[in-house]
Amino acid sequence: MELRGKQKRFLRAQAHSLRPMFSVGKEGLTENWLNQLSGALDKRELIKVNILQNADVTTKQVQQFIEDNTNIQVVQVIGHVLVLFMVSHDESMRRLSETVSAI
């Protein structure tokens, strides 16, 4: 699902009160980290990722790595925080994506 402007605005509003669940540190980006990220998004559909100051990667590199290797969409980038969205594979967990698709 490609997100339109109103859908992104809705997701940004939903993510406002969330705290970052994942961090990118000095270990950088790995397949294991990406698999854990996909698993968490499959349950929640919307999360934040924090890029720590000691990380060897930039925000753009993290965004590019996520978008190239998965079907996860970056909704917003604020400083060192990324807001990520993915439609859940489990239909019982699709509460947020159903609302987004109706917008």
PDB file of N, CA and C in Angstrom:
ATOM      1  N   MET A   1       0.847  -1.175   0.000  1.00  0.00           N
ATOM      2  CA  MET A   1       0.000   0.000   0.000  1.00  0.00           C
ATOM      3  C   MET A   1       0.894   1.240   0.000  1.00  0.00           C
ATOM      4  N   GLU A   2       0.713   2.070  -0.979  1.00  0.00           N
ATOM      5  CA  GLU A   2       1.435   3.339  -1.051  1.00  0.00           C
ATOM      6  C   GLU A   2       0.630   4.386  -0.285  1.00  0.00           C
ATOM      7  N   LEU A   3       1.280   5.062   0.637  1.00  0.00           N
ATOM      8  CA  LEU A   3       0.579   6.018   1.497  1.00  0.00           C
ATOM      9  C   LEU A   3       0.408   7.369   0.826  1.00  0.00           C
ATOM     10  N   ARG A   4      -0.791   7.925   0.972  1.00  0.00           N
ATOM     11  CA  ARG A   4      -1.072   9.277   0.489  1.00  0.00           C
ATOM     12  C   ARG A   4      -0.859  10.256   1.644  1.00  0.00           C
ATOM     13  N   GLY A   5      -0.950  11.539   1.340  1.00  0.00           N
ATOM     14  CA  GLY A   5      -0.683  12.589   2.319  1.00  0.00           C
ATOM     15  C   GLY A   5      -1.558  12.526   3.552  1.00  0.00           C
ATOM     16  N   LYS A   6      -2.867  12.339   3.377  1.00  0.00           N
ATOM     17  CA  LYS A   6      -3.778  12.270   4.523  1.00  0.00           C
ATOM     18  C   LYS A   6      -3.501  11.043   5.382  1.00  0.00           C
ATOM     19  N   GLN A   7      -3.136   9.952   4.743  1.00  0.00           N
ATOM     20  CA  GLN A   7      -2.819   8.743   5.488  1.00  0.00           C
ATOM     21  C   GLN A   7      -1.553   8.933   6.317  1.00  0.00           C
ATOM     22  N   LYS A   8      -0.546   9.572   5.732  1.00  0.00           N
ATOM     23  CA  LYS A   8       0.686   9.842   6.481  1.00  0.00           C
ATOM     24  C   LYS A   8       0.425  10.773   7.650  1.00  0.00           C
ATOM     25  N   ARG A   9      -0.420  11.767   7.439  1.00  0.00           N
ATOM     26  CA  ARG A   9      -0.762  12.700   8.513  1.00  0.00           C
ATOM     27  C   ARG A   9      -1.445  11.968   9.665  1.00  0.00           C
ATOM     28  N   PHE A  10      -2.351  11.043   9.346  1.00  0.00           N
ATOM     29  CA  PHE A  10      -3.022  10.249  10.368  1.00  0.00           C
ATOM     30  C   PHE A  10      -2.020   9.397  11.136  1.00  0.00           C
ATOM     31  N   LEU A  11      -1.096   8.746  10.416  1.00  0.00           N
ATOM     32  CA  LEU A  11      -0.099   7.897  11.064  1.00  0.00           C
ATOM     33  C   LEU A  11       0.853   8.709  11.933  1.00  0.00           C
ATOM     34  N   ARG A  12       1.230   9.893  11.479  1.00  0.00           N
ATOM     35  CA  ARG A  12       2.084  10.758  12.295  1.00  0.00           C
ATOM     36  C   ARG A  12       1.383  11.135  13.591  1.00  0.00           C
ATOM     37  N   ALA A  13       0.080  11.420  13.518  1.00  0.00           N
ATOM     38  CA  ALA A  13      -0.688  11.763  14.714  1.00  0.00           C
ATOM     39  C   ALA A  13      -0.763  10.568  15.658  1.00  0.00           C
ATOM     40  N   GLN A  14      -0.925   9.366  15.125  1.00  0.00           N
ATOM     41  CA  GLN A  14      -0.973   8.166  15.959  1.00  0.00           C
ATOM     42  C   GLN A  14       0.383   7.879  16.601  1.00  0.00           C
ATOM     43  N   ALA A  15       1.471   8.200  15.914  1.00  0.00           N
ATOM     44  CA  ALA A  15       2.817   7.909  16.410  1.00  0.00           C
ATOM     45  C   ALA A  15       3.329   8.952  17.391  1.00  0.00           C
ATOM     46  N   HIS A  16       2.642  10.066  17.509  1.00  0.00           N
ATOM     47  CA  HIS A  16       3.118  11.165  18.352  1.00  0.00           C
ATOM     48  C   HIS A  16       3.386  10.719  19.782  1.00  0.00           C
ATOM     49  N   SER A  17       2.510   9.924  20.352  1.00  0.00           N
ATOM     50  CA  SER A  17       2.657   9.531  21.752  1.00  0.00           C
ATOM     51  C   SER A  17       3.513   8.283  21.940  1.00  0.00           C
ATOM     52  N   LEU A  18       3.954   7.657  20.866  1.00  0.00           N
ATOM     53  CA  LEU A  18       4.768   6.447  20.969  1.00  0.00           C
ATOM     54  C   LEU A  18       6.204   6.769  21.358  1.00  0.00           C
ATOM     55  N   ARG A  19       6.804   5.850  22.067  1.00  0.00           N
ATOM     56  CA  ARG A  19       8.235   5.937  22.368  1.00  0.00           C
ATOM     57  C   ARG A  19       8.968   4.999  21.411  1.00  0.00           C
ATOM     58  N   PRO A  20      10.225   5.323  21.060  1.00  0.00           N
ATOM     59  CA  PRO A  20      10.986   4.443  20.164  1.00  0.00           C
ATOM     60  C   PRO A  20      11.149   3.041  20.752  1.00  0.00           C
ATOM     61  N   MET A  21      10.837   2.034  19.953  1.00  0.00           N
ATOM     62  CA  MET A  21      10.947   0.641  20.386  1.00  0.00           C
ATOM     63  C   MET A  21      12.293   0.027  20.023  1.00  0.00           C
ATOM     64  N   PHE A  22      12.882   0.483  18.928  1.00  0.00           N
ATOM     65  CA  PHE A  22      14.140  -0.070  18.445  1.00  0.00           C
ATOM     66  C   PHE A  22      15.176   1.037  18.363  1.00  0.00           C
ATOM     67  N   SER A  23      16.433   0.636  18.494  1.00  0.00           N
ATOM     68  CA  SER A  23      17.538   1.574  18.371  1.00  0.00           C
ATOM     69  C   SER A  23      18.584   1.013  17.429  1.00  0.00           C
ATOM     70  N   VAL A  24      19.263   1.912  16.748  1.00  0.00           N
ATOM     71  CA  VAL A  24      20.399   1.538  15.912  1.00  0.00           C
ATOM     72  C   VAL A  24      21.621   2.103  16.612  1.00  0.00           C
ATOM     73  N   GLY A  25      22.533   1.230  17.009  1.00  0.00           N
ATOM     74  CA  GLY A  25      23.721   1.647  17.733  1.00  0.00           C
ATOM     75  C   GLY A  25      24.980   1.390  16.946  1.00  0.00           C
ATOM     76  N   LYS A  26      26.067   1.124  17.679  1.00  0.00           N
ATOM     77  CA  LYS A  26      27.349   0.952  17.019  1.00  0.00           C
ATOM     78  C   LYS A  26      27.457  -0.354  16.243  1.00  0.00           C
ATOM     79  N   GLU A  27      26.563  -1.319  16.510  1.00  0.00           N
ATOM     80  CA  GLU A  27      26.569  -2.552  15.729  1.00  0.00           C
ATOM     81  C   GLU A  27      26.038  -2.331  14.326  1.00  0.00           C
ATOM     82  N   GLY A  28      25.293  -1.243  14.146  1.00  0.00           N
ATOM     83  CA  GLY A  28      24.803  -0.898  12.818  1.00  0.00           C
ATOM     84  C   GLY A  28      23.586  -1.708  12.413  1.00  0.00           C
ATOM     85  N   LEU A  29      23.441  -1.885  11.120  1.00  0.00           N
ATOM     86  CA  LEU A  29      22.274  -2.548  10.549  1.00  0.00           C
ATOM     87  C   LEU A  29      22.617  -3.981  10.174  1.00  0.00           C
ATOM     88  N   THR A  30      21.840  -4.913  10.705  1.00  0.00           N
ATOM     89  CA  THR A  30      22.062  -6.327  10.413  1.00  0.00           C
ATOM     90  C   THR A  30      20.747  -6.963   9.973  1.00  0.00           C
ATOM     91  N   GLU A  31      20.845  -8.127   9.385  1.00  0.00           N
ATOM     92  CA  GLU A  31      19.655  -8.865   8.980  1.00  0.00           C
ATOM     93  C   GLU A  31      18.837  -9.278  10.203  1.00  0.00           C
ATOM     94  N   ASN A  32      19.512  -9.652  11.285  1.00  0.00           N
ATOM     95  CA  ASN A  32      18.815 -10.037  12.508  1.00  0.00           C
ATOM     96  C   ASN A  32      17.995  -8.866  13.047  1.00  0.00           C
ATOM     97  N   TRP A  33      18.572  -7.677  13.067  1.00  0.00           N
ATOM     98  CA  TRP A  33      17.862  -6.481  13.522  1.00  0.00           C
ATOM     99  C   TRP A  33      16.652  -6.214  12.634  1.00  0.00           C
ATOM    100  N   LEU A  34      16.819  -6.375  11.337  1.00  0.00           N
ATOM    101  CA  LEU A  34      15.734  -6.145  10.390  1.00  0.00           C
ATOM    102  C   LEU A  34      14.610  -7.166  10.572  1.00  0.00           C
ATOM    103  N   ASN A  35      14.962  -8.413  10.873  1.00  0.00           N
ATOM    104  CA  ASN A  35      13.952  -9.443  11.118  1.00  0.00           C
ATOM    105  C   ASN A  35      13.164  -9.146  12.389  1.00  0.00           C
ATOM    106  N   GLN A  36      13.844  -8.689  13.431  1.00  0.00           N
ATOM    107  CA  GLN A  36      13.160  -8.316  14.664  1.00  0.00           C
ATOM    108  C   GLN A  36      12.238  -7.122  14.435  1.00  0.00           C
ATOM    109  N   LEU A  37      12.698  -6.173  13.653  1.00  0.00           N
ATOM    110  CA  LEU A  37      11.894  -4.996  13.320  1.00  0.00           C
ATOM    111  C   LEU A  37      10.627  -5.398  12.564  1.00  0.00           C
ATOM    112  N   SER A  38      10.765  -6.290  11.593  1.00  0.00           N
ATOM    113  CA  SER A  38       9.608  -6.758  10.832  1.00  0.00           C
ATOM    114  C   SER A  38       8.626  -7.510  11.716  1.00  0.00           C
ATOM    115  N   GLY A  39       9.153  -8.303  12.644  1.00  0.00           N
ATOM    116  CA  GLY A  39       8.283  -9.036  13.563  1.00  0.00           C
ATOM    117  C   GLY A  39       7.489  -8.106  14.474  1.00  0.00           C
ATOM    118  N   ALA A  40       8.141  -7.062  14.961  1.00  0.00           N
ATOM    119  CA  ALA A  40       7.450  -6.097  15.822  1.00  0.00           C
ATOM    120  C   ALA A  40       6.409  -5.320  15.033  1.00  0.00           C
ATOM    121  N   LEU A  41       6.729  -4.950  13.810  1.00  0.00           N
ATOM    122  CA  LEU A  41       5.774  -4.230  12.972  1.00  0.00           C
ATOM    123  C   LEU A  41       4.601  -5.119  12.561  1.00  0.00           C
ATOM    124  N   ASP A  42       4.825  -6.405  12.470  1.00  0.00           N
ATOM    125  CA  ASP A  42       3.750  -7.319  12.137  1.00  0.00           C
ATOM    126  C   ASP A  42       2.702  -7.357  13.257  1.00  0.00           C
ATOM    127  N   LYS A  43       3.136  -7.095  14.487  1.00  0.00           N
ATOM    128  CA  LYS A  43       2.205  -7.081  15.618  1.00  0.00           C
ATOM    129  C   LYS A  43       1.614  -5.709  15.884  1.00  0.00           C
ATOM    130  N   ARG A  44       2.374  -4.643  15.642  1.00  0.00           N
ATOM    131  CA  ARG A  44       1.929  -3.304  16.002  1.00  0.00           C
ATOM    132  C   ARG A  44       1.575  -2.409  14.823  1.00  0.00           C
ATOM    133  N   GLU A  45       2.157  -2.631  13.691  1.00  0.00           N
ATOM    134  CA  GLU A  45       1.959  -1.885  12.439  1.00  0.00           C
ATOM    135  C   GLU A  45       2.587  -0.494  12.433  1.00  0.00           C
ATOM    136  N   LEU A  46       2.831   0.113  13.569  1.00  0.00           N
ATOM    137  CA  LEU A  46       3.403   1.461  13.621  1.00  0.00           C
ATOM    138  C   LEU A  46       4.362   1.540  14.794  1.00  0.00           C
ATOM    139  N   ILE A  47       5.632   1.839  14.522  1.00  0.00           N
ATOM    140  CA  ILE A  47       6.615   1.973  15.599  1.00  0.00           C
ATOM    141  C   ILE A  47       7.588   3.105  15.263  1.00  0.00           C
ATOM    142  N   LYS A  48       8.365   3.466  16.277  1.00  0.00           N
ATOM    143  CA  LYS A  48       9.436   4.439  16.102  1.00  0.00           C
ATOM    144  C   LYS A  48      10.775   3.739  16.310  1.00  0.00           C
ATOM    145  N   VAL A  49      11.778   4.203  15.559  1.00  0.00           N
ATOM    146  CA  VAL A  49      13.142   3.695  15.678  1.00  0.00           C
ATOM    147  C   VAL A  49      14.055   4.872  15.957  1.00  0.00           C
ATOM    148  N   ASN A  50      14.900   4.719  16.956  1.00  0.00           N
ATOM    149  CA  ASN A  50      15.829   5.764  17.352  1.00  0.00           C
ATOM    150  C   ASN A  50      17.234   5.410  16.861  1.00  0.00           C
ATOM    151  N   ILE A  51      17.938   6.375  16.309  1.00  0.00           N
ATOM    152  CA  ILE A  51      19.323   6.175  15.876  1.00  0.00           C
ATOM    153  C   ILE A  51      20.210   6.856  16.905  1.00  0.00           C
ATOM    154  N   LEU A  52      20.998   6.054  17.611  1.00  0.00           N
ATOM    155  CA  LEU A  52      21.829   6.571  18.691  1.00  0.00           C
ATOM    156  C   LEU A  52      22.992   7.398  18.156  1.00  0.00           C
ATOM    157  N   GLN A  53      23.559   8.224  19.036  1.00  0.00           N
ATOM    158  CA  GLN A  53      24.654   9.103  18.623  1.00  0.00           C
ATOM    159  C   GLN A  53      25.918   8.331  18.268  1.00  0.00           C
ATOM    160  N   ASN A  54      26.113   7.159  18.888  1.00  0.00           N
ATOM    161  CA  ASN A  54      27.326   6.385  18.598  1.00  0.00           C
ATOM    162  C   ASN A  54      27.172   5.472  17.386  1.00  0.00           C
ATOM    163  N   ALA A  55      26.065   5.592  16.654  1.00  0.00           N
ATOM    164  CA  ALA A  55      25.832   4.756  15.474  1.00  0.00           C
ATOM    165  C   ALA A  55      26.752   5.184  14.335  1.00  0.00           C
ATOM    166  N   ASP A  56      27.188   4.204  13.568  1.00  0.00           N
ATOM    167  CA  ASP A  56      28.071   4.462  12.426  1.00  0.00           C
ATOM    168  C   ASP A  56      27.300   4.772  11.151  1.00  0.00           C
ATOM    169  N   VAL A  57      25.970   4.818  11.235  1.00  0.00           N
ATOM    170  CA  VAL A  57      25.132   5.059  10.065  1.00  0.00           C
ATOM    171  C   VAL A  57      24.315   6.333  10.255  1.00  0.00           C
ATOM    172  N   THR A  58      23.934   6.929   9.141  1.00  0.00           N
ATOM    173  CA  THR A  58      23.114   8.133   9.191  1.00  0.00           C
ATOM    174  C   THR A  58      21.636   7.754   9.075  1.00  0.00           C
ATOM    175  N   THR A  59      20.802   8.726   9.300  1.00  0.00           N
ATOM    176  CA  THR A  59      19.366   8.506   9.194  1.00  0.00           C
ATOM    177  C   THR A  59      18.978   8.097   7.781  1.00  0.00           C
ATOM    178  N   LYS A  60      19.571   8.725   6.796  1.00  0.00           N
ATOM    179  CA  LYS A  60      19.294   8.389   5.392  1.00  0.00           C
ATOM    180  C   LYS A  60      19.695   6.952   5.068  1.00  0.00           C
ATOM    181  N   GLN A  61      20.823   6.505   5.607  1.00  0.00           N
ATOM    182  CA  GLN A  61      21.278   5.144   5.361  1.00  0.00           C
ATOM    183  C   GLN A  61      20.333   4.122   5.978  1.00  0.00           C
ATOM    184  N   VAL A  62      19.850   4.409   7.180  1.00  0.00           N
ATOM    185  CA  VAL A  62      18.895   3.510   7.838  1.00  0.00           C
ATOM    186  C   VAL A  62      17.603   3.458   7.034  1.00  0.00           C
ATOM    187  N   GLN A  63      17.118   4.618   6.610  1.00  0.00           N
ATOM    188  CA  GLN A  63      15.894   4.686   5.816  1.00  0.00           C
ATOM    189  C   GLN A  63      16.051   3.896   4.522  1.00  0.00           C
ATOM    190  N   GLN A  64      17.146   4.073   3.844  1.00  0.00           N
ATOM    191  CA  GLN A  64      17.400   3.373   2.574  1.00  0.00           C
ATOM    192  C   GLN A  64      17.500   1.872   2.796  1.00  0.00           C
ATOM    193  N   PHE A  65      18.184   1.442   3.864  1.00  0.00           N
ATOM    194  CA  PHE A  65      18.337   0.024   4.177  1.00  0.00           C
ATOM    195  C   PHE A  65      16.983  -0.627   4.438  1.00  0.00           C
ATOM    196  N   ILE A  66      16.131   0.043   5.192  1.00  0.00           N
ATOM    197  CA  ILE A  66      14.812  -0.496   5.521  1.00  0.00           C
ATOM    198  C   ILE A  66      13.933  -0.572   4.276  1.00  0.00           C
ATOM    199  N   GLU A  67      13.894   0.492   3.492  1.00  0.00           N
ATOM    200  CA  GLU A  67      13.030   0.523   2.315  1.00  0.00           C
ATOM    201  C   GLU A  67      13.493  -0.439   1.224  1.00  0.00           C
ATOM    202  N   ASP A  68      14.797  -0.648   1.082  1.00  0.00           N
ATOM    203  CA  ASP A  68      15.310  -1.533   0.042  1.00  0.00           C
ATOM    204  C   ASP A  68      15.102  -3.006   0.363  1.00  0.00           C
ATOM    205  N   ASN A  69      15.153  -3.372   1.642  1.00  0.00           N
ATOM    206  CA  ASN A  69      15.137  -4.780   2.026  1.00  0.00           C
ATOM    207  C   ASN A  69      13.794  -5.289   2.533  1.00  0.00           C
ATOM    208  N   THR A  70      12.804  -4.425   2.693  1.00  0.00           N
ATOM    209  CA  THR A  70      11.513  -4.856   3.225  1.00  0.00           C
ATOM    210  C   THR A  70      10.388  -4.081   2.544  1.00  0.00           C
ATOM    211  N   ASN A  71       9.167  -4.386   2.948  1.00  0.00           N
ATOM    212  CA  ASN A  71       8.018  -3.620   2.474  1.00  0.00           C
ATOM    213  C   ASN A  71       7.560  -2.627   3.537  1.00  0.00           C
ATOM    214  N   ILE A  72       8.449  -2.272   4.442  1.00  0.00           N
ATOM    215  CA  ILE A  72       8.174  -1.292   5.490  1.00  0.00           C
ATOM    216  C   ILE A  72       8.282   0.101   4.885  1.00  0.00           C
ATOM    217  N   GLN A  73       7.348   0.965   5.255  1.00  0.00           N
ATOM    218  CA  GLN A  73       7.355   2.330   4.746  1.00  0.00           C
ATOM    219  C   GLN A  73       7.760   3.298   5.846  1.00  0.00           C
ATOM    220  N   VAL A  74       8.625   4.230   5.499  1.00  0.00           N
ATOM    221  CA  VAL A  74       9.022   5.282   6.424  1.00  0.00           C
ATOM    222  C   VAL A  74       8.000   6.404   6.284  1.00  0.00           C
ATOM    223  N   VAL A  75       7.276   6.663   7.374  1.00  0.00           N
ATOM    224  CA  VAL A  75       6.230   7.682   7.365  1.00  0.00           C
ATOM    225  C   VAL A  75       6.833   9.057   7.583  1.00  0.00           C
ATOM    226  N   GLN A  76       7.788   9.144   8.525  1.00  0.00           N
ATOM    227  CA  GLN A  76       8.354  10.440   8.874  1.00  0.00           C
ATOM    228  C   GLN A  76       9.746  10.251   9.472  1.00  0.00           C
ATOM    229  N   VAL A  77      10.599  11.234   9.248  1.00  0.00           N
ATOM    230  CA  VAL A  77      11.925  11.278   9.859  1.00  0.00           C
ATOM    231  C   VAL A  77      12.018  12.592  10.618  1.00  0.00           C
ATOM    232  N   ILE A  78      12.261  12.482  11.929  1.00  0.00           N
ATOM    233  CA  ILE A  78      12.424  13.666  12.770  1.00  0.00           C
ATOM    234  C   ILE A  78      13.767  13.524  13.474  1.00  0.00           C
ATOM    235  N   GLY A  79      14.747  14.285  13.040  1.00  0.00           N
ATOM    236  CA  GLY A  79      16.071  14.200  13.660  1.00  0.00           C
ATOM    237  C   GLY A  79      16.648  12.811  13.512  1.00  0.00           C
ATOM    238  N   HIS A  80      16.799  12.119  14.647  1.00  0.00           N
ATOM    239  CA  HIS A  80      17.345  10.759  14.653  1.00  0.00           C
ATOM    240  C   HIS A  80      16.265   9.716  14.927  1.00  0.00           C
ATOM    241  N   VAL A  81      15.013  10.063  14.680  1.00  0.00           N
ATOM    242  CA  VAL A  81      13.898   9.145  14.922  1.00  0.00           C
ATOM    243  C   VAL A  81      13.133   8.916  13.616  1.00  0.00           C
ATOM    244  N   LEU A  82      12.877   7.641  13.326  1.00  0.00           N
ATOM    245  CA  LEU A  82      12.095   7.260  12.154  1.00  0.00           C
ATOM    246  C   LEU A  82      10.756   6.688  12.612  1.00  0.00           C
ATOM    247  N   VAL A  83       9.689   7.073  11.941  1.00  0.00           N
ATOM    248  CA  VAL A  83       8.369   6.495  12.179  1.00  0.00           C
ATOM    249  C   VAL A  83       8.110   5.529  11.040  1.00  0.00           C
ATOM    250  N   LEU A  84       7.867   4.242  11.384  1.00  0.00           N
ATOM    251  CA  LEU A  84       7.724   3.191  10.389  1.00  0.00           C
ATOM    252  C   LEU A  84       6.336   2.570  10.426  1.00  0.00           C
ATOM    253  N   PHE A  85       5.837   2.190   9.241  1.00  0.00           N
ATOM    254  CA  PHE A  85       4.520   1.563   9.121  1.00  0.00           C
ATOM    255  C   PHE A  85       4.611   0.376   8.183  1.00  0.00           C
ATOM    256  N   MET A  86       3.900  -0.704   8.562  1.00  0.00           N
ATOM    257  CA  MET A  86       3.795  -1.876   7.706  1.00  0.00           C
ATOM    258  C   MET A  86       2.454  -2.542   7.984  1.00  0.00           C
ATOM    259  N   VAL A  87       1.768  -2.952   6.930  1.00  0.00           N
ATOM    260  CA  VAL A  87       0.513  -3.678   7.096  1.00  0.00           C
ATOM    261  C   VAL A  87       0.836  -5.063   7.623  1.00  0.00           C
ATOM    262  N   SER A  88       0.133  -5.469   8.678  1.00  0.00           N
ATOM    263  CA  SER A  88       0.369  -6.758   9.317  1.00  0.00           C
ATOM    264  C   SER A  88      -0.046  -7.905   8.402  1.00  0.00           C
ATOM    265  N   HIS A  89       0.707  -9.006   8.466  1.00  0.00           N
ATOM    266  CA  HIS A  89       0.351 -10.199   7.700  1.00  0.00           C
ATOM    267  C   HIS A  89      -0.820 -10.925   8.356  1.00  0.00           C
ATOM    268  N   ASP A  90      -0.952 -10.781   9.662  1.00  0.00           N
ATOM    269  CA  ASP A  90      -2.029 -11.401  10.429  1.00  0.00           C
ATOM    270  C   ASP A  90      -3.257 -10.498  10.382  1.00  0.00           C
ATOM    271  N   GLU A  91      -4.346 -11.005   9.827  1.00  0.00           N
ATOM    272  CA  GLU A  91      -5.536 -10.181   9.634  1.00  0.00           C
ATOM    273  C   GLU A  91      -6.148  -9.708  10.953  1.00  0.00           C
ATOM    274  N   SER A  92      -5.952 -10.443  12.036  1.00  0.00           N
ATOM    275  CA  SER A  92      -6.515 -10.035  13.325  1.00  0.00           C
ATOM    276  C   SER A  92      -5.762  -8.849  13.931  1.00  0.00           C
ATOM    277  N   MET A  93      -4.592  -8.550  13.437  1.00  0.00           N
ATOM    278  CA  MET A  93      -3.780  -7.443  13.948  1.00  0.00           C
ATOM    279  C   MET A  93      -3.890  -6.185  13.094  1.00  0.00           C
ATOM    280  N   ARG A  94      -4.731  -6.156  12.099  1.00  0.00           N
ATOM    281  CA  ARG A  94      -4.814  -5.052  11.143  1.00  0.00           C
ATOM    282  C   ARG A  94      -5.773  -3.948  11.571  1.00  0.00           C
ATOM    283  N   ARG A  95      -5.753  -3.547  12.804  1.00  0.00           N
ATOM    284  CA  ARG A  95      -6.643  -2.478  13.250  1.00  0.00           C
ATOM    285  C   ARG A  95      -6.250  -1.138  12.647  1.00  0.00           C
ATOM    286  N   LEU A  96      -5.007  -0.803  12.692  1.00  0.00           N
ATOM    287  CA  LEU A  96      -4.535   0.490  12.201  1.00  0.00           C
ATOM    288  C   LEU A  96      -4.564   0.571  10.681  1.00  0.00           C
ATOM    289  N   SER A  97      -4.154  -0.483  10.011  1.00  0.00           N
ATOM    290  CA  SER A  97      -4.104  -0.454   8.548  1.00  0.00           C
ATOM    291  C   SER A  97      -5.501  -0.382   7.936  1.00  0.00           C
ATOM    292  N   GLU A  98      -6.502  -0.955   8.583  1.00  0.00           N
ATOM    293  CA  GLU A  98      -7.869  -0.846   8.077  1.00  0.00           C
ATOM    294  C   GLU A  98      -8.352   0.595   8.148  1.00  0.00           C
ATOM    295  N   THR A  99      -7.999   1.286   9.224  1.00  0.00           N
ATOM    296  CA  THR A  99      -8.370   2.696   9.362  1.00  0.00           C
ATOM    297  C   THR A  99      -7.648   3.534   8.313  1.00  0.00           C
ATOM    298  N   VAL A 100      -6.367   3.245   8.088  1.00  0.00           N
ATOM    299  CA  VAL A 100      -5.569   3.981   7.110  1.00  0.00           C
ATOM    300  C   VAL A 100      -6.124   3.785   5.706  1.00  0.00           C
ATOM    301  N   SER A 101      -6.499   2.565   5.370  1.00  0.00           N
ATOM    302  CA  SER A 101      -7.005   2.318   4.026  1.00  0.00           C
ATOM    303  C   SER A 101      -8.370   2.974   3.790  1.00  0.00           C
ATOM    304  N   ALA A 102      -9.114   3.245   4.868  1.00  0.00           N
ATOM    305  CA  ALA A 102     -10.415   3.907   4.728  1.00  0.00           C
ATOM    306  C   ALA A 102     -10.282   5.409   4.513  1.00  0.00           C
ATOM    307  N   ILE A 103      -9.112   5.953   4.819  1.00  0.00           N
ATOM    308  CA  ILE A 103      -8.899   7.402   4.680  1.00  0.00           C
ATOM    309  C   ILE A 103      -8.679   7.759   3.229  1.00  0.00           C
TER     310      ILE A 103
END
